[in-house]
Amino acid sequence: MRDGDCTFDALVVGAGPAGVSAALRLQQLGHRVLLVERSAIWPRAQVGEVLTAGVRNIIELLDANDALAAVPHVAHAGSRVLWRSREPDLLQQAGSAIVDRGRFDAALLALAQRRGIEVEQPARLLHLNGAAGDWHVSLLCGESRSRQVRARFILDACGRSAASRVDCAPRLAALWGEVDQSALTELDGTTLVEALEHGWLWAGCLPGRRYRLMLLCDPKAARQAGAASPEARLRAACAASRLLPAAAGLPLLGQVQMCSATPYLAADCWQDGRLKLGDAAFALDPVSSSGVEKAMRFSLQAAVALHTMLGDDGTGSHALARRFFEGRLVEACARHAHWTEAYYGQAWCAGEPFWQARAHYEASADGKLPQELLAALSIERVRLAGYQPPELKPLAAFNPALPLRLHGGAAIVQLPCVVDDRVCLHTALDHPHLERPLAFLENEALFPHLTRLAQPLPLAQLLRQLAAGMPSHKAQRIATWLWQRGLLESVG
């Protein structure tokens, strides 16, 4: 398969956090990667500066702590949130930070180059021929140099596209500008979030003593309201707020910018031999500020799916990798949409049309889009809507003399899981008291240990079975965890 120095296991298009995370992880797993970035301007201006606490685990997995240590950032000093009532709440968000996104992206790309990942920048794809496993790619590098390469798989991390997609919420637009932080000293470094009748405001400190003001609103409603400029709309929103009226008249550091912020799921995220990552695959509602983390995390999952296929050319391996990839993608979008609907429904102004539309939304797609993907999204949403956290049973009510068995509502299912960096089918426990099927608990496989619990089993025998494959203290904790949540029931 290999053709000298011009054949790669994966060609990654797009050097943002999603693309570079996938490239770094694939290289860790032993694969040869070519990273292609079309932008010649680097570091490039970028939004999405909030890094939630979960990014730290991803950076550690990629062994990128040293590379990112010098990236300018502002440690999160907490948030003042005016949402459920007309009075603000002060919330702490341990571990999160606001970074200079351009410098963050540049540091990740520089790390990839130091690790030996080949990078073409600026470069773009001119022609693509061949098929999965043997793509023939023509690149235009710089202004005139052409290059021919071969790649087994292509990962598209090029960002948002107008191609076929399922919108997971009503249309949303972001308008933002920046002011000098020294003019707002009373804010004391906190991030502000405020619900307004026709949208919501986010404001926070950026590295370099800049303070960003951002309005999230319905673009159609904004257009219908008149021909006011984006700057006028942003200033009007600040003037109408309780937390940011002082910012309404401040001079801006540059022009107000706009972009789409509609959450969506790309309908063609998996094509034979071509996968989409980051904003090319999905976008989340910015109300959670977790978009960068989720994009990077999904790239790691995509890398595992690709690693599985690269290690086994069989159709079964490819089908399992696809099931895992699409399942994780649908789950991420459905869970986020479920959470944001509930959050929008809690706003003090939840009766207004902007909020009503977002608290009660049913994703839809035209006939050109795969109905299977829409159906999977709908099924996951129904499951989440019906989930009720179990009321934990007190340990004082447990009778060790009575045998145990799996609850009558439990089901044993086959679930795609990651084991040793590859996707495999693993037996899992499903039950209405679980948000998702459960194959592992405390990093221990539940099956085949629990298989015999279809019939009553004495506690001592159950603990012996569990302890045969794990430390006895873990066996006791797992049995307790399952019983308290009603997944095991006493018989007698």
Protein backbone atom coordinates (compact mmCIF):
# COMPACT_ATOMS: atom_id res chain seq x y z
CA MET A 1 0.00 0.00 0.00
CA ARG A 2 2.72 2.50 0.89
CA ASP A 3 4.27 4.53 -1.90
CA GLY A 4 7.53 6.02 -0.67
CA ASP A 5 7.13 9.17 1.41
CA CYS A 6 3.79 10.22 -0.12
CA THR A 7 1.42 7.73 1.50
CA PHE A 8 -0.31 8.48 4.79
CA ASP A 9 -2.66 6.55 7.03
CA ALA A 10 -4.74 9.71 7.54
CA LEU A 11 -4.93 13.09 5.88
CA VAL A 12 -6.43 15.65 8.27
CA VAL A 13 -7.84 18.81 6.68
CA GLY A 14 -8.03 21.70 9.16
CA ALA A 15 -5.57 22.58 11.95
CA GLY A 16 -7.97 23.82 14.62
CA PRO A 17 -8.22 22.03 17.99
CA ALA A 18 -10.34 19.21 16.53
CA GLY A 19 -8.04 18.46 13.61
CA VAL A 20 -4.79 18.72 15.56
CA SER A 21 -6.17 16.62 18.44
CA ALA A 22 -7.05 13.84 15.98
CA ALA A 23 -3.64 14.10 14.31
CA LEU A 24 -1.75 13.95 17.61
CA ARG A 25 -3.79 11.01 18.87
CA LEU A 26 -3.39 9.04 15.63
CA GLN A 27 0.35 9.58 15.76
CA GLN A 28 0.38 8.36 19.38
CA LEU A 29 -1.36 5.22 18.13
CA GLY A 30 1.38 4.65 15.56
CA HIS A 31 -0.07 6.11 12.37
CA ARG A 32 1.44 8.43 9.79
CA VAL A 33 -0.52 11.66 9.41
CA LEU A 34 -0.48 14.61 7.02
CA LEU A 35 -2.10 17.80 8.37
CA VAL A 36 -3.34 20.35 5.82
CA GLU A 37 -4.35 23.90 6.80
CA ARG A 38 -5.67 26.36 4.22
CA SER A 39 -5.12 29.56 6.23
CA ALA A 40 -1.83 31.39 5.73
CA ILE A 41 -2.62 33.78 8.59
CA TRP A 42 -1.40 32.18 11.84
CA PRO A 43 -2.15 32.63 14.67
CA ARG A 44 -5.59 33.41 13.32
CA ALA A 45 -8.36 35.31 15.07
CA GLN A 46 -10.88 32.88 16.53
CA VAL A 47 -13.82 32.72 18.91
CA GLY A 48 -14.52 30.00 21.44
CA GLU A 49 -11.99 31.11 24.05
CA VAL A 50 -13.57 29.33 27.03
CA LEU A 51 -11.85 26.08 27.93
CA THR A 52 -13.93 24.06 30.37
CA ALA A 53 -12.28 21.91 33.02
CA GLY A 54 -12.52 18.73 30.92
CA VAL A 55 -10.00 20.11 28.41
CA ARG A 56 -7.25 19.48 30.97
CA ASN A 57 -7.73 15.69 30.73
CA ILE A 58 -7.56 15.85 26.94
CA ILE A 59 -4.36 17.90 27.03
CA GLU A 60 -2.81 15.40 29.45
CA LEU A 61 -3.76 12.47 27.20
CA LEU A 62 -2.08 14.22 24.26
CA ASP A 63 0.96 14.99 26.49
CA ALA A 64 0.57 18.66 25.56
CA ASN A 65 0.85 20.36 28.96
CA ASP A 66 4.28 21.85 28.32
CA ALA A 67 3.32 23.08 24.85
CA LEU A 68 0.31 24.99 26.17
CA ALA A 69 1.83 26.28 29.41
CA ALA A 70 2.86 29.59 27.82
CA VAL A 71 -0.46 30.28 26.07
CA PRO A 72 -1.94 33.51 27.47
CA HIS A 73 -4.99 32.75 29.57
CA VAL A 74 -7.20 34.16 32.29
CA ALA A 75 -8.11 31.80 35.12
CA HIS A 76 -11.87 31.72 35.58
CA ALA A 77 -12.80 33.94 38.52
CA GLY A 78 -16.39 32.73 38.62
CA SER A 79 -19.54 33.84 36.82
CA ARG A 80 -22.26 36.28 37.73
CA VAL A 81 -25.38 34.78 36.17
CA LEU A 82 -28.73 36.50 35.89
CA TRP A 83 -30.94 33.78 34.50
CA ARG A 84 -33.61 32.21 36.71
CA SER A 85 -34.58 35.47 38.37
CA ARG A 86 -33.96 39.19 38.04
CA GLU A 87 -31.19 38.95 40.62
CA PRO A 88 -27.75 37.55 39.72
CA ASP A 89 -26.20 34.42 41.23
CA LEU A 90 -22.45 34.01 41.70
CA LEU A 91 -21.25 30.64 40.40
CA GLN A 92 -17.80 29.08 40.65
CA GLN A 93 -16.36 27.01 37.78
CA ALA A 94 -13.23 25.33 39.04
CA GLY A 95 -10.62 24.44 36.46
CA SER A 96 -11.98 26.47 33.53
CA ALA A 97 -10.11 29.30 31.84
CA ILE A 98 -10.35 31.80 29.01
CA VAL A 99 -7.46 31.67 26.53
CA ASP A 100 -6.17 33.54 23.53
CA ARG A 101 -7.65 31.10 21.00
CA GLY A 102 -5.28 32.10 18.23
CA ARG A 103 -2.28 31.35 20.44
CA PHE A 104 -3.92 28.15 21.72
CA ASP A 105 -4.46 26.84 18.18
CA ALA A 106 -0.93 27.87 17.17
CA ALA A 107 0.62 26.09 20.17
CA LEU A 108 -1.19 22.85 19.30
CA LEU A 109 -0.08 23.06 15.67
CA ALA A 110 3.54 23.78 16.66
CA LEU A 111 3.43 20.73 18.96
CA ALA A 112 2.22 18.56 16.07
CA GLN A 113 5.15 19.75 13.94
CA ARG A 114 7.65 19.09 16.74
CA ARG A 115 6.24 15.58 17.13
CA GLY A 116 7.05 14.91 13.47
CA ILE A 117 3.57 15.25 11.99
CA GLU A 118 3.97 16.60 8.47
CA VAL A 119 2.13 19.90 7.92
CA GLU A 120 1.26 21.68 4.68
CA GLN A 121 0.26 25.32 5.28
CA PRO A 122 -1.20 27.14 3.47
CA ALA A 123 -2.57 24.34 1.33
CA ARG A 124 -5.89 23.12 0.00
CA LEU A 125 -7.33 20.10 -1.73
CA LEU A 126 -7.69 20.47 -5.49
CA HIS A 127 -8.80 16.99 -6.54
CA LEU A 128 -9.75 13.79 -4.78
CA ASN A 129 -9.89 10.44 -6.54
CA GLY A 130 -9.87 6.83 -5.52
CA ALA A 131 -11.78 5.24 -2.66
CA ALA A 132 -11.59 4.39 1.01
CA GLY A 133 -8.24 2.83 1.77
CA ASP A 134 -6.53 4.36 -1.24
CA TRP A 135 -7.35 8.02 -1.81
CA HIS A 136 -5.33 9.93 -4.42
CA VAL A 137 -5.16 13.60 -3.40
CA SER A 138 -3.94 16.63 -5.32
CA LEU A 139 -2.87 19.53 -3.11
CA LEU A 140 -2.09 23.13 -3.93
CA CYS A 141 0.58 24.21 -1.45
CA GLY A 142 1.24 27.91 -1.16
CA GLU A 143 0.43 29.84 -4.32
CA SER A 144 1.86 27.52 -6.95
CA ARG A 145 3.40 24.29 -5.66
CA SER A 146 1.38 21.16 -6.33
CA ARG A 147 1.74 17.89 -4.48
CA GLN A 148 0.30 14.43 -5.02
CA VAL A 149 -0.23 12.19 -2.00
CA ARG A 150 -2.09 9.02 -1.13
CA ALA A 151 -4.06 8.47 2.07
CA ARG A 152 -6.05 5.58 3.48
CA PHE A 153 -8.55 7.85 5.26
CA ILE A 154 -9.47 11.53 5.18
CA LEU A 155 -10.60 13.52 8.23
CA ASP A 156 -12.43 16.76 7.48
CA ALA A 157 -11.98 19.33 10.25
CA CYS A 158 -12.54 22.39 8.04
CA GLY A 159 -15.21 24.00 10.20
CA ARG A 160 -18.82 25.01 9.63
CA SER A 161 -20.38 24.26 6.27
CA ALA A 162 -23.70 24.97 4.59
CA ALA A 163 -23.93 21.33 3.50
CA SER A 164 -26.74 18.99 4.56
CA ARG A 165 -27.32 19.05 8.29
CA VAL A 166 -29.91 18.60 11.01
CA ASP A 167 -30.46 21.75 13.08
CA CYS A 168 -30.73 20.72 16.74
CA ALA A 169 -32.30 24.05 17.80
CA PRO A 170 -33.75 27.20 16.22
CA ARG A 171 -31.37 29.50 14.36
CA LEU A 172 -29.01 31.47 16.59
CA ALA A 173 -26.58 34.28 15.76
CA ALA A 174 -23.66 35.68 17.76
CA LEU A 175 -22.62 39.34 17.65
CA TRP A 176 -19.53 40.43 19.55
CA GLY A 177 -17.19 43.30 20.17
CA GLU A 178 -14.46 44.15 22.65
CA VAL A 179 -13.75 47.02 25.01
CA ASP A 180 -10.83 47.96 27.25
CA GLN A 181 -11.11 45.96 30.48
CA SER A 182 -9.81 48.91 32.51
CA ALA A 183 -13.09 50.75 31.81
CA LEU A 184 -15.03 48.01 33.67
CA THR A 185 -12.95 47.54 36.82
CA GLU A 186 -16.05 46.94 38.94
CA LEU A 187 -16.54 43.55 37.26
CA ASP A 188 -13.45 42.20 39.03
CA GLY A 189 -12.62 39.63 36.37
CA THR A 190 -15.90 37.70 36.58
CA THR A 191 -17.74 36.38 33.55
CA LEU A 192 -21.26 37.71 33.11
CA VAL A 193 -24.23 35.82 31.66
CA GLU A 194 -27.64 37.48 31.48
CA ALA A 195 -30.95 36.40 29.97
CA LEU A 196 -32.80 39.16 28.11
CA GLU A 197 -36.26 39.06 26.59
CA HIS A 198 -34.99 38.52 23.04
CA GLY A 199 -31.66 36.76 23.61
CA TRP A 200 -28.84 36.57 26.10
CA LEU A 201 -25.51 38.24 26.82
CA TRP A 202 -22.12 36.74 27.59
CA ALA A 203 -19.22 38.93 28.68
CA GLY A 204 -15.78 38.00 29.94
CA CYS A 205 -12.15 39.01 30.32
CA LEU A 206 -9.73 37.96 27.59
CA PRO A 207 -5.94 37.90 27.76
CA GLY A 208 -4.43 41.27 26.96
CA ARG A 209 -6.78 43.35 29.12
CA ARG A 210 -9.63 43.03 26.61
CA TYR A 211 -13.25 42.50 27.62
CA ARG A 212 -15.57 40.76 25.20
CA LEU A 213 -19.27 41.61 24.90
CA MET A 214 -21.36 39.02 23.04
CA LEU A 215 -25.07 38.94 22.22
CA LEU A 216 -26.78 35.69 21.22
CA CYS A 217 -30.09 36.27 19.43
CA ASP A 218 -32.47 35.07 16.75
CA PRO A 219 -31.07 36.37 13.43
CA LYS A 220 -34.48 36.44 11.74
CA ALA A 221 -36.11 38.37 14.58
CA ALA A 222 -33.16 40.78 14.62
CA ARG A 223 -33.61 41.50 10.91
CA GLN A 224 -37.35 41.97 11.28
CA ALA A 225 -36.78 44.46 14.11
CA GLY A 226 -35.27 46.94 11.65
CA ALA A 227 -32.09 47.88 9.88
CA ALA A 228 -30.07 48.60 13.02
CA SER A 229 -26.40 47.73 12.64
CA PRO A 230 -24.84 44.85 14.60
CA GLU A 231 -23.06 47.41 16.78
CA ALA A 232 -26.33 49.19 17.53
CA ARG A 233 -27.99 45.90 18.48
CA LEU A 234 -25.10 44.94 20.77
CA ARG A 235 -25.11 48.35 22.48
CA ALA A 236 -28.90 48.25 22.88
CA ALA A 237 -28.70 44.82 24.51
CA CYS A 238 -26.06 46.05 26.98
CA ALA A 239 -28.14 49.15 27.77
CA ALA A 240 -31.20 46.96 28.47
CA SER A 241 -29.28 44.62 30.76
CA ARG A 242 -28.85 44.80 34.51
CA LEU A 243 -25.25 43.56 34.56
CA LEU A 244 -23.72 45.47 31.65
CA PRO A 245 -25.33 48.91 31.25
CA ALA A 246 -21.95 50.55 31.84
CA ALA A 247 -20.58 48.90 28.69
CA ALA A 248 -23.26 50.28 26.37
CA GLY A 249 -21.47 53.56 25.70
CA LEU A 250 -17.84 52.45 25.81
CA PRO A 251 -15.64 52.76 22.70
CA LEU A 252 -15.10 49.45 20.93
CA LEU A 253 -11.69 48.00 20.07
CA GLY A 254 -12.49 47.30 16.43
CA GLN A 255 -15.70 46.45 14.61
CA VAL A 256 -18.54 44.27 15.86
CA GLN A 257 -18.39 40.83 14.25
CA MET A 258 -21.12 38.27 13.57
CA CYS A 259 -21.33 34.54 12.94
CA SER A 260 -23.86 31.73 13.04
CA ALA A 261 -24.16 29.96 16.40
CA THR A 262 -26.93 27.48 15.50
CA PRO A 263 -26.34 24.02 16.96
CA TYR A 264 -26.49 21.25 14.34
CA LEU A 265 -25.44 17.75 13.35
CA ALA A 266 -23.95 17.15 9.90
CA ALA A 267 -25.88 14.52 7.98
CA ASP A 268 -22.83 13.24 6.11
CA CYS A 269 -20.42 13.05 9.04
CA TRP A 270 -19.47 9.50 8.01
CA GLN A 271 -18.80 8.66 4.39
CA ASP A 272 -16.85 5.61 3.28
CA GLY A 273 -13.26 6.52 4.01
CA ARG A 274 -14.07 10.13 4.96
CA LEU A 275 -15.01 11.34 8.45
CA LYS A 276 -15.93 14.79 9.75
CA LEU A 277 -14.65 16.30 12.99
CA GLY A 278 -15.26 19.43 15.05
CA ASP A 279 -17.55 22.04 13.53
CA ALA A 280 -17.60 20.10 10.27
CA ALA A 281 -19.48 17.34 12.14
CA PHE A 282 -21.50 19.17 14.78
CA ALA A 283 -21.90 22.38 16.77
CA LEU A 284 -23.33 22.85 20.24
CA ASP A 285 -25.35 25.72 21.66
CA PRO A 286 -22.79 28.17 23.10
CA VAL A 287 -24.82 28.58 26.30
CA SER A 288 -22.73 25.78 27.87
CA SER A 289 -19.32 27.16 26.78
CA SER A 290 -18.17 23.56 26.21
CA GLY A 291 -17.83 23.58 22.42
CA VAL A 292 -14.01 23.38 22.29
CA GLU A 293 -13.89 20.56 24.83
CA LYS A 294 -16.57 18.52 23.07
CA ALA A 295 -14.92 19.02 19.66
CA MET A 296 -11.55 17.85 20.97
CA ARG A 297 -13.07 14.91 22.85
CA PHE A 298 -15.00 13.74 19.82
CA SER A 299 -11.80 13.94 17.74
CA LEU A 300 -10.17 11.50 20.15
CA GLN A 301 -13.13 9.15 19.74
CA ALA A 302 -12.92 9.49 15.95
CA ALA A 303 -9.20 8.65 16.15
CA VAL A 304 -10.06 5.43 18.01
CA ALA A 305 -12.64 4.52 15.35
CA LEU A 306 -10.05 5.13 12.64
CA HIS A 307 -7.38 3.17 14.56
CA THR A 308 -9.81 0.24 14.73
CA MET A 309 -10.29 0.26 10.95
CA LEU A 310 -6.60 0.75 10.20
CA GLY A 311 -5.83 -2.32 12.29
CA ASP A 312 -8.47 -4.52 10.63
CA ASP A 313 -9.67 -4.17 7.04
CA GLY A 314 -12.69 -6.44 7.61
CA THR A 315 -16.20 -5.14 6.97
CA GLY A 316 -17.22 -6.09 10.51
CA SER A 317 -14.55 -3.86 11.98
CA HIS A 318 -15.61 -0.94 9.76
CA ALA A 319 -19.28 -1.39 10.65
CA LEU A 320 -18.47 -1.46 14.36
CA ALA A 321 -16.26 1.63 14.10
CA ARG A 322 -19.05 3.48 12.29
CA ARG A 323 -21.62 2.44 14.88
CA PHE A 324 -19.33 3.74 17.64
CA PHE A 325 -18.52 7.00 15.79
CA GLU A 326 -22.11 7.88 14.92
CA GLY A 327 -23.39 6.74 18.30
CA ARG A 328 -21.02 9.05 20.18
CA LEU A 329 -21.84 11.91 17.83
CA VAL A 330 -25.61 11.51 18.19
CA GLU A 331 -25.30 11.09 21.95
CA ALA A 332 -23.25 14.30 22.29
CA CYS A 333 -25.75 16.34 20.27
CA ALA A 334 -28.84 14.83 21.91
CA ARG A 335 -27.56 15.23 25.46
CA HIS A 336 -26.53 18.80 24.87
CA ALA A 337 -29.85 19.68 23.22
CA HIS A 338 -31.73 18.05 26.11
CA TRP A 339 -29.73 20.05 28.66
CA THR A 340 -30.03 23.37 26.79
CA GLU A 341 -33.80 23.00 26.34
CA ALA A 342 -34.19 22.60 30.09
CA TYR A 343 -31.83 25.51 30.75
CA TYR A 344 -33.65 27.82 28.36
CA GLY A 345 -36.92 26.82 30.01
CA GLN A 346 -35.61 28.05 33.38
CA ALA A 347 -35.00 31.64 32.26
CA TRP A 348 -36.92 34.41 34.00
CA CYS A 349 -38.26 35.44 30.58
CA ALA A 350 -39.11 31.87 29.46
CA GLY A 351 -42.56 32.97 28.24
CA GLU A 352 -41.07 35.11 25.45
CA PRO A 353 -41.02 33.69 21.88
CA PHE A 354 -37.20 33.47 21.75
CA TRP A 355 -37.15 31.27 24.83
CA GLN A 356 -40.27 29.26 24.05
CA ALA A 357 -38.83 28.24 20.70
CA ARG A 358 -35.65 26.92 22.37
CA ALA A 359 -37.32 25.21 25.30
CA HIS A 360 -39.57 23.17 22.96
CA TYR A 361 -37.86 22.21 19.71
CA GLU A 362 -38.14 19.11 17.56
CA ALA A 363 -35.23 18.56 15.17
CA SER A 364 -36.29 18.01 11.56
CA ALA A 365 -34.65 17.41 8.22
CA ASP A 366 -35.67 17.50 4.58
CA GLY A 367 -35.94 14.39 2.43
CA LYS A 368 -32.34 14.71 1.25
CA LEU A 369 -30.95 13.87 4.68
CA PRO A 370 -30.47 10.35 6.09
CA GLN A 371 -33.56 9.55 8.10
CA GLU A 372 -31.58 6.99 10.12
CA LEU A 373 -29.51 9.73 11.68
CA LEU A 374 -32.58 11.80 12.52
CA ALA A 375 -34.28 8.71 13.97
CA ALA A 376 -31.24 7.94 16.15
CA LEU A 377 -31.23 11.52 17.42
CA SER A 378 -34.94 11.32 18.21
CA ILE A 379 -34.58 7.97 20.03
CA GLU A 380 -31.77 9.35 22.20
CA ARG A 381 -33.82 12.45 22.98
CA VAL A 382 -36.80 10.31 24.04
CA ARG A 383 -34.55 8.22 26.27
CA LEU A 384 -33.13 11.30 27.95
CA ALA A 385 -36.56 12.86 28.41
CA GLY A 386 -37.81 9.72 30.13
CA TYR A 387 -34.83 9.24 32.41
CA GLN A 388 -35.50 9.72 36.11
CA PRO A 389 -32.55 9.46 38.52
CA PRO A 390 -33.28 6.65 40.98
CA GLU A 391 -33.88 7.34 44.63
CA LEU A 392 -31.04 5.55 46.38
CA LYS A 393 -32.13 2.79 48.73
CA PRO A 394 -30.65 3.07 52.24
CA LEU A 395 -28.07 0.42 53.11
CA ALA A 396 -29.92 -0.17 56.37
CA ALA A 397 -32.68 -1.79 54.30
CA PHE A 398 -30.34 -4.36 52.77
CA ASN A 399 -30.74 -7.93 54.01
CA PRO A 400 -27.53 -9.92 53.26
CA ALA A 401 -29.36 -13.19 53.93
CA LEU A 402 -31.57 -12.76 50.84
CA PRO A 403 -30.26 -13.78 47.40
CA LEU A 404 -29.92 -11.17 44.66
CA ARG A 405 -30.81 -11.06 40.98
CA LEU A 406 -30.94 -8.51 38.19
CA HIS A 407 -34.01 -6.31 38.36
CA GLY A 408 -36.86 -7.41 36.10
CA GLY A 409 -36.57 -4.18 34.10
CA ALA A 410 -32.90 -4.76 33.30
CA ALA A 411 -31.72 -5.85 29.86
CA ILE A 412 -28.40 -7.21 28.69
CA VAL A 413 -27.25 -5.51 25.46
CA GLN A 414 -24.17 -5.38 23.23
CA LEU A 415 -22.47 -1.98 23.31
CA PRO A 416 -19.54 -0.59 21.26
CA CYS A 417 -16.83 0.24 23.81
CA VAL A 418 -13.19 1.29 23.70
CA VAL A 419 -10.84 -1.34 25.07
CA ASP A 420 -7.07 -0.92 24.60
CA ASP A 421 -7.65 1.94 22.13
CA ARG A 422 -9.87 -0.13 19.82
CA VAL A 423 -13.63 -0.37 19.43
CA CYS A 424 -15.10 -3.71 20.40
CA LEU A 425 -18.55 -5.03 21.27
CA HIS A 426 -18.95 -5.52 24.99
CA THR A 427 -21.85 -6.86 27.03
CA ALA A 428 -23.59 -4.08 28.99
CA LEU A 429 -26.45 -3.58 31.42
CA ASP A 430 -29.40 -1.40 30.39
CA HIS A 431 -32.14 -0.20 32.73
CA PRO A 432 -34.49 2.81 33.07
CA HIS A 433 -32.42 3.93 36.07
CA LEU A 434 -29.35 4.33 33.84
CA GLU A 435 -28.74 7.32 31.56
CA ARG A 436 -26.92 4.99 29.16
CA PRO A 437 -26.09 1.25 29.06
CA LEU A 438 -23.34 0.36 31.51
CA ALA A 439 -20.49 -1.99 30.56
CA PHE A 440 -17.83 -0.86 33.05
CA LEU A 441 -17.95 0.44 36.59
CA GLU A 442 -14.84 1.68 38.40
CA ASN A 443 -12.90 0.60 35.26
CA GLU A 444 -14.03 -2.99 35.77
CA ALA A 445 -16.11 -5.01 33.30
CA LEU A 446 -19.49 -5.99 34.78
CA PHE A 447 -19.86 -8.96 32.46
CA PRO A 448 -19.54 -11.88 32.37
CA HIS A 449 -19.66 -11.60 36.21
CA LEU A 450 -23.33 -10.53 36.29
CA THR A 451 -24.60 -12.93 33.64
CA ARG A 452 -25.66 -15.54 36.21
CA LEU A 453 -27.81 -12.98 38.04
CA ALA A 454 -30.71 -13.70 35.74
CA GLN A 455 -31.43 -16.22 38.51
CA PRO A 456 -31.19 -15.48 42.27
CA LEU A 457 -27.66 -15.73 43.65
CA PRO A 458 -26.51 -15.53 47.31
CA LEU A 459 -24.56 -12.37 48.12
CA ALA A 460 -21.42 -14.27 49.14
CA GLN A 461 -21.37 -16.11 45.81
CA LEU A 462 -21.89 -12.89 43.86
CA LEU A 463 -19.01 -11.21 45.70
CA ARG A 464 -16.75 -14.22 45.03
CA GLN A 465 -17.57 -14.03 41.32
CA LEU A 466 -16.81 -10.33 41.16
CA ALA A 467 -13.64 -10.66 43.27
CA ALA A 468 -12.31 -13.31 40.89
CA GLY A 469 -11.55 -10.53 38.40
CA MET A 470 -11.01 -7.46 40.62
CA PRO A 471 -9.99 -6.43 44.17
CA SER A 472 -12.55 -7.48 46.79
CA HIS A 473 -13.16 -3.89 47.96
CA LYS A 474 -14.18 -2.97 44.40
CA ALA A 475 -16.48 -5.98 44.23
CA GLN A 476 -18.26 -4.82 47.39
CA ARG A 477 -18.60 -1.23 46.13
CA ILE A 478 -19.97 -2.35 42.78
CA ALA A 479 -22.54 -4.67 44.35
CA THR A 480 -23.59 -1.85 46.70
CA TRP A 481 -23.84 0.66 43.84
CA LEU A 482 -26.04 -1.66 41.78
CA TRP A 483 -28.34 -2.53 44.70
CA GLN A 484 -28.83 1.04 45.89
CA ARG A 485 -29.96 2.09 42.40
CA GLY A 486 -32.37 -0.78 42.04
CA LEU A 487 -30.41 -2.62 39.35
CA LEU A 488 -30.15 -5.59 41.72
CA GLU A 489 -33.13 -6.70 43.75
CA SER A 490 -33.40 -8.92 46.80
CA VAL A 491 -35.49 -12.07 46.41
CA GLY A 492 -37.48 -13.46 49.32
